[in-house]
Amino acid sequence: MRTKNAMQRRVREYLDERRRLGYALTDSGAKLLAFARFADKVGHKGPLTLKLIADWAKGQASRAAPLTWARRVQVVRPFAKFCAREEPKTAIPPVDMFGPAHRRLTPHIYSDEEIADLLVAAGKLPKADTLRPATYQTLFGLIAATGLRSSDLRTVV
């Protein structure tokens, strides 16, 4: 692995193997290739190190926070496991290297007044001579009355 663009070649091998197994890897594949370009650019040789992974995760993300760093590490972890099959000294970054990679957002609970305003606004949607305003009023009313999530509506509609 001491040749030019060695990490990029290794990432392509990994992506080819995973895609043959049926994984799309569009976003994570692009991020892994960015990692490989970074590693080749800095002249990294040998097995992956935690320092290399951390430098890429933190240094290449403008205005990033630990959540972004953690997501980048999450992309590199499976690749590191792949590399460890042939290079036992490969460092596999811990899942919590920069903390959690995901956060659960606090849901917004609409007040009765907000729901009423939403239903009035839905009734004023353009194309008043069509079923569009009534359809949205019905959908929003259904969500408010039953507690359905917007993703649940896909199966109803």
Protein backbone atom coordinates (compact mmCIF):
# COMPACT_ATOMS: atom_id res chain seq x y z
CA MET A 1 0.00 0.00 0.00
CA ARG A 2 2.93 2.33 -0.61
CA THR A 3 1.93 3.52 -4.06
CA LYS A 4 0.28 6.74 -5.18
CA ASN A 5 -3.47 6.88 -4.42
CA ALA A 6 -3.23 3.65 -2.42
CA MET A 7 -6.04 4.56 -0.03
CA GLN A 8 -8.35 5.52 -2.88
CA ARG A 9 -7.68 2.16 -4.50
CA ARG A 10 -8.41 0.40 -1.21
CA VAL A 11 -11.68 2.32 -0.72
CA ARG A 12 -12.75 1.43 -4.26
CA GLU A 13 -12.09 -2.26 -3.50
CA TYR A 14 -14.23 -1.97 -0.37
CA LEU A 15 -17.04 -0.15 -2.18
CA ASP A 16 -16.99 -2.68 -5.04
CA GLU A 17 -17.27 -5.57 -2.57
CA ARG A 18 -20.11 -3.96 -0.64
CA ARG A 19 -21.99 -3.02 -3.81
CA ARG A 20 -21.72 -6.59 -5.07
CA LEU A 21 -23.50 -7.53 -1.85
CA GLY A 22 -26.35 -5.16 -2.71
CA TYR A 23 -25.50 -1.99 -0.78
CA ALA A 24 -25.95 1.31 -2.64
CA LEU A 25 -23.45 3.35 -0.55
CA THR A 26 -24.02 6.56 -2.48
CA ASP A 27 -23.53 9.13 0.29
CA SER A 28 -21.20 7.05 2.46
CA GLY A 29 -19.24 6.01 -0.62
CA ALA A 30 -18.62 9.64 -1.55
CA LYS A 31 -17.53 10.40 2.01
CA LEU A 32 -15.19 7.42 2.06
CA LEU A 33 -13.61 8.54 -1.20
CA ALA A 34 -13.12 11.99 0.35
CA PHE A 35 -11.43 10.29 3.30
CA ALA A 36 -9.19 8.33 0.91
CA ARG A 37 -8.22 11.47 -1.01
CA PHE A 38 -7.36 13.13 2.30
CA ALA A 39 -5.23 10.15 3.40
CA ASP A 40 -3.39 10.04 0.08
CA LYS A 41 -2.90 13.81 0.08
CA VAL A 42 -1.24 13.79 3.51
CA GLY A 43 0.93 10.87 2.40
CA HIS A 44 -0.45 8.31 4.83
CA LYS A 45 1.23 4.90 4.60
CA GLY A 46 0.35 1.69 6.37
CA PRO A 47 -2.71 0.73 8.38
CA LEU A 48 -5.39 3.21 9.38
CA THR A 49 -4.76 5.12 12.58
CA LEU A 50 -7.13 6.88 14.94
CA LYS A 51 -5.19 10.08 14.37
CA LEU A 52 -5.72 9.92 10.60
CA ILE A 53 -9.44 9.28 11.04
CA ALA A 54 -9.81 12.05 13.65
CA ASP A 55 -7.83 14.53 11.53
CA TRP A 56 -10.11 13.89 8.57
CA ALA A 57 -13.33 13.93 10.62
CA LYS A 58 -12.47 17.19 12.34
CA GLY A 59 -10.27 18.98 9.84
CA GLN A 60 -12.28 18.61 6.67
CA ALA A 61 -15.62 19.73 8.06
CA SER A 62 -16.08 23.48 8.08
CA ARG A 63 -18.09 24.85 11.02
CA ALA A 64 -18.65 21.29 12.20
CA ALA A 65 -19.56 20.08 15.66
CA PRO A 66 -18.85 16.76 17.38
CA LEU A 67 -22.11 15.40 15.94
CA THR A 68 -20.73 15.87 12.41
CA TRP A 69 -17.38 14.39 13.40
CA ALA A 70 -19.17 11.36 14.88
CA ARG A 71 -21.14 10.84 11.67
CA ARG A 72 -17.94 10.92 9.64
CA VAL A 73 -16.35 8.33 11.93
CA GLN A 74 -19.46 6.20 11.54
CA VAL A 75 -18.79 6.10 7.78
CA VAL A 76 -15.15 5.08 8.23
CA ARG A 77 -15.76 2.31 10.81
CA PRO A 78 -16.97 -0.42 8.39
CA PHE A 79 -14.10 0.41 6.04
CA ALA A 80 -11.64 0.10 8.93
CA LYS A 81 -13.05 -3.34 9.75
CA PHE A 82 -12.62 -4.29 6.10
CA CYS A 83 -8.98 -3.14 6.18
CA ALA A 84 -8.33 -5.00 9.45
CA ARG A 85 -8.89 -8.32 7.66
CA GLU A 86 -5.56 -7.86 5.86
CA GLU A 87 -3.84 -5.33 8.13
CA PRO A 88 -4.23 -6.44 11.77
CA LYS A 89 -2.72 -3.19 13.08
CA THR A 90 -5.58 -1.19 11.59
CA ALA A 91 -7.25 0.97 14.23
CA ILE A 92 -11.02 0.63 14.31
CA PRO A 93 -12.45 3.82 15.77
CA PRO A 94 -14.81 3.38 18.72
CA VAL A 95 -18.49 4.07 18.08
CA ASP A 96 -18.45 6.92 20.58
CA MET A 97 -15.15 8.47 19.50
CA PHE A 98 -16.78 11.93 19.34
CA GLY A 99 -20.03 11.10 21.10
CA PRO A 100 -23.33 10.02 19.55
CA ALA A 101 -23.72 10.24 15.77
CA HIS A 102 -27.47 10.80 15.98
CA ARG A 103 -29.72 12.90 18.13
CA ARG A 104 -33.41 12.72 18.63
CA LEU A 105 -35.09 16.07 18.17
CA THR A 106 -37.78 17.16 20.59
CA PRO A 107 -41.15 16.98 18.85
CA HIS A 108 -43.31 20.08 18.62
CA ILE A 109 -46.78 19.61 20.06
CA TYR A 110 -49.21 21.97 18.32
CA SER A 111 -51.61 23.94 20.52
CA ASP A 112 -55.33 24.00 19.74
CA GLU A 113 -54.90 27.55 18.44
CA GLU A 114 -52.04 26.53 16.11
CA ILE A 115 -54.12 23.64 14.74
CA ALA A 116 -57.10 25.96 14.11
CA ASP A 117 -54.82 28.45 12.32
CA LEU A 118 -53.35 25.64 10.21
CA LEU A 119 -56.80 24.42 9.18
CA VAL A 120 -57.87 27.96 8.22
CA ALA A 121 -54.68 28.43 6.18
CA ALA A 122 -55.20 25.06 4.46
CA GLY A 123 -58.69 26.17 3.47
CA LYS A 124 -57.18 29.21 1.71
CA LEU A 125 -54.70 27.25 -0.42
CA PRO A 126 -54.56 28.22 -4.12
CA LYS A 127 -56.89 26.57 -6.59
CA ALA A 128 -59.93 27.15 -4.39
CA ASP A 129 -62.20 25.62 -7.05
CA THR A 130 -60.51 22.21 -6.60
CA LEU A 131 -60.46 19.66 -3.80
CA ARG A 132 -56.96 20.71 -2.75
CA PRO A 133 -57.95 23.00 0.17
CA ALA A 134 -60.51 20.51 1.53
CA THR A 135 -58.05 17.63 1.12
CA TYR A 136 -55.38 19.37 3.20
CA GLN A 137 -57.90 20.46 5.82
CA THR A 138 -59.02 16.84 6.09
CA LEU A 139 -55.45 15.50 6.29
CA PHE A 140 -54.39 18.01 8.95
CA GLY A 141 -57.60 17.40 10.89
CA LEU A 142 -56.99 13.66 10.72
CA ILE A 143 -53.45 14.08 12.02
CA ALA A 144 -54.63 16.32 14.87
CA ALA A 145 -57.55 14.10 15.85
CA THR A 146 -55.80 10.72 15.68
CA GLY A 147 -52.16 11.47 16.40
CA LEU A 148 -51.00 10.04 13.08
CA ARG A 149 -47.53 10.96 11.92
CA SER A 150 -46.92 12.37 8.45
CA SER A 151 -45.15 9.12 7.52
CA ASP A 152 -48.32 7.20 8.48
CA LEU A 153 -50.28 9.22 5.93
CA ARG A 154 -48.32 7.66 3.07
CA THR A 155 -50.00 4.35 3.80
CA VAL A 156 -53.44 5.98 4.20
CA VAL A 157 -53.38 8.15 1.07
